[in-house]
């Protein structure tokens, strides 16, 4: 079940906005929602789109509570929207 890049972007933005700036989302939550049984095959797709959203300053990517660039992240990451003070 192929999803467009725009569908993935919209879902990431929906999840992060619903969660709010004080909380974050695991990319696997978005992937499971979009791709259900075959979600593991699409983790990289969601991470790539998250990196694009980060480049557009629409979300931030964190690791162990600190903001990181996706291309420098090793291991699990979290996604969140910016707070008004960011």
C-alpha atoms as a PDB file:
ATOM      1  CA  UNK A   1       0.000   0.000   0.000  1.00  0.00           C
ATOM      2  CA  UNK A   2       1.906   3.000  -1.347  1.00  0.00           C
ATOM      3  CA  UNK A   3       1.449   6.382   0.309  1.00  0.00           C
ATOM      4  CA  UNK A   4       2.442   9.685  -1.231  1.00  0.00           C
ATOM      5  CA  UNK A   5       5.020  11.900   0.400  1.00  0.00           C
ATOM      6  CA  UNK A   6       2.256  14.436   1.033  1.00  0.00           C
ATOM      7  CA  UNK A   7       0.145  11.834   2.862  1.00  0.00           C
ATOM      8  CA  UNK A   8       3.109  11.017   5.097  1.00  0.00           C
ATOM      9  CA  UNK A   9       3.798  14.724   5.735  1.00  0.00           C
ATOM     10  CA  UNK A  10       0.168  15.342   6.620  1.00  0.00           C
ATOM     11  CA  UNK A  11       0.087  12.425   9.043  1.00  0.00           C
ATOM     12  CA  UNK A  12       3.314  13.493  10.784  1.00  0.00           C
ATOM     13  CA  UNK A  13       1.985  17.042  11.152  1.00  0.00           C
ATOM     14  CA  UNK A  14      -1.374  15.789  12.427  1.00  0.00           C
ATOM     15  CA  UNK A  15       0.227  13.529  15.033  1.00  0.00           C
ATOM     16  CA  UNK A  16       2.701  16.155  16.274  1.00  0.00           C
ATOM     17  CA  UNK A  17       0.103  18.931  16.432  1.00  0.00           C
ATOM     18  CA  UNK A  18      -2.336  16.734  18.325  1.00  0.00           C
ATOM     19  CA  UNK A  19       0.388  15.808  20.801  1.00  0.00           C
ATOM     20  CA  UNK A  20       1.453  19.444  21.243  1.00  0.00           C
ATOM     21  CA  UNK A  21       4.864  20.997  21.873  1.00  0.00           C
ATOM     22  CA  UNK A  22       5.259  19.465  25.327  1.00  0.00           C
ATOM     23  CA  UNK A  23       5.114  15.899  24.007  1.00  0.00           C
ATOM     24  CA  UNK A  24       6.625  14.003  21.114  1.00  0.00           C
ATOM     25  CA  UNK A  25       5.760  11.230  18.688  1.00  0.00           C
ATOM     26  CA  UNK A  26       7.777   8.176  17.763  1.00  0.00           C
ATOM     27  CA  UNK A  27       8.062   7.845  13.975  1.00  0.00           C
ATOM     28  CA  UNK A  28       6.878   4.246  14.332  1.00  0.00           C
ATOM     29  CA  UNK A  29       3.495   5.516  15.596  1.00  0.00           C
ATOM     30  CA  UNK A  30       2.998   7.371  12.320  1.00  0.00           C
ATOM     31  CA  UNK A  31       4.308   4.440  10.297  1.00  0.00           C
ATOM     32  CA  UNK A  32       1.998   1.941  12.012  1.00  0.00           C
ATOM     33  CA  UNK A  33      -0.978   4.243  11.463  1.00  0.00           C
ATOM     34  CA  UNK A  34      -0.220   4.633   7.756  1.00  0.00           C
ATOM     35  CA  UNK A  35       0.960   1.154   6.857  1.00  0.00           C
ATOM     36  CA  UNK A  36      -0.489  -1.175   9.554  1.00  0.00           C
ATOM     37  CA  UNK A  37       0.795  -4.733   8.969  1.00  0.00           C
ATOM     38  CA  UNK A  38       3.751  -3.753   6.761  1.00  0.00           C
ATOM     39  CA  UNK A  39       4.875  -0.744   8.800  1.00  0.00           C
ATOM     40  CA  UNK A  40       8.429  -2.022   9.274  1.00  0.00           C
ATOM     41  CA  UNK A  41       8.971  -1.769   5.515  1.00  0.00           C
ATOM     42  CA  UNK A  42       8.218   1.972   5.618  1.00  0.00           C
ATOM     43  CA  UNK A  43      10.077   3.307   8.663  1.00  0.00           C
ATOM     44  CA  UNK A  44      12.758   4.874   6.450  1.00  0.00           C
ATOM     45  CA  UNK A  45      10.081   6.580   4.326  1.00  0.00           C
ATOM     46  CA  UNK A  46       8.594   8.271   7.394  1.00  0.00           C
ATOM     47  CA  UNK A  47      12.020   9.231   8.769  1.00  0.00           C
ATOM     48  CA  UNK A  48      12.993  10.754   5.414  1.00  0.00           C
ATOM     49  CA  UNK A  49       9.828  12.849   5.260  1.00  0.00           C
ATOM     50  CA  UNK A  50      10.374  13.883   8.896  1.00  0.00           C
ATOM     51  CA  UNK A  51      13.813  15.150   7.863  1.00  0.00           C
ATOM     52  CA  UNK A  52      12.210  17.208   5.107  1.00  0.00           C
ATOM     53  CA  UNK A  53       9.714  18.689   7.561  1.00  0.00           C
ATOM     54  CA  UNK A  54      12.598  19.513   9.879  1.00  0.00           C
ATOM     55  CA  UNK A  55      14.397  21.284   7.009  1.00  0.00           C
ATOM     56  CA  UNK A  56      11.218  23.295   6.418  1.00  0.00           C
ATOM     57  CA  UNK A  57      11.166  24.228  10.141  1.00  0.00           C
ATOM     58  CA  UNK A  58       7.764  22.595  10.605  1.00  0.00           C
ATOM     59  CA  UNK A  59       8.836  20.016  13.210  1.00  0.00           C
ATOM     60  CA  UNK A  60      11.807  19.330  15.403  1.00  0.00           C
ATOM     61  CA  UNK A  61      13.573  16.019  15.800  1.00  0.00           C
ATOM     62  CA  UNK A  62      14.965  15.078  19.180  1.00  0.00           C
ATOM     63  CA  UNK A  63      17.046  12.315  20.624  1.00  0.00           C
ATOM     64  CA  UNK A  64      17.274  11.791  24.372  1.00  0.00           C
ATOM     65  CA  UNK A  65      15.452  15.109  24.799  1.00  0.00           C
ATOM     66  CA  UNK A  66      17.910  17.190  22.749  1.00  0.00           C
ATOM     67  CA  UNK A  67      17.254  18.568  19.305  1.00  0.00           C
ATOM     68  CA  UNK A  68      19.304  16.870  16.571  1.00  0.00           C
ATOM     69  CA  UNK A  69      19.528  16.936  12.812  1.00  0.00           C
ATOM     70  CA  UNK A  70      18.168  13.749  11.282  1.00  0.00           C
ATOM     71  CA  UNK A  71      21.361  13.096   9.319  1.00  0.00           C
ATOM     72  CA  UNK A  72      23.347  13.156  12.590  1.00  0.00           C
ATOM     73  CA  UNK A  73      20.935  10.994  14.600  1.00  0.00           C
ATOM     74  CA  UNK A  74      21.911   7.433  15.433  1.00  0.00           C
ATOM     75  CA  UNK A  75      19.105   5.260  16.740  1.00  0.00           C
ATOM     76  CA  UNK A  76      15.633   6.211  17.997  1.00  0.00           C
ATOM     77  CA  UNK A  77      14.295   9.713  17.429  1.00  0.00           C
ATOM     78  CA  UNK A  78      11.172  11.616  18.446  1.00  0.00           C
ATOM     79  CA  UNK A  79       9.168  14.190  16.487  1.00  0.00           C
ATOM     80  CA  UNK A  80       7.403  17.264  17.848  1.00  0.00           C
ATOM     81  CA  UNK A  81       6.050  20.659  16.904  1.00  0.00           C
ATOM     82  CA  UNK A  82       7.781  23.819  17.999  1.00  0.00           C
ATOM     83  CA  UNK A  83       6.493  25.651  21.020  1.00  0.00           C
ATOM     84  CA  UNK A  84       5.613  29.312  20.624  1.00  0.00           C
ATOM     85  CA  UNK A  85       8.859  30.236  22.401  1.00  0.00           C
ATOM     86  CA  UNK A  86      11.100  28.211  20.027  1.00  0.00           C
END
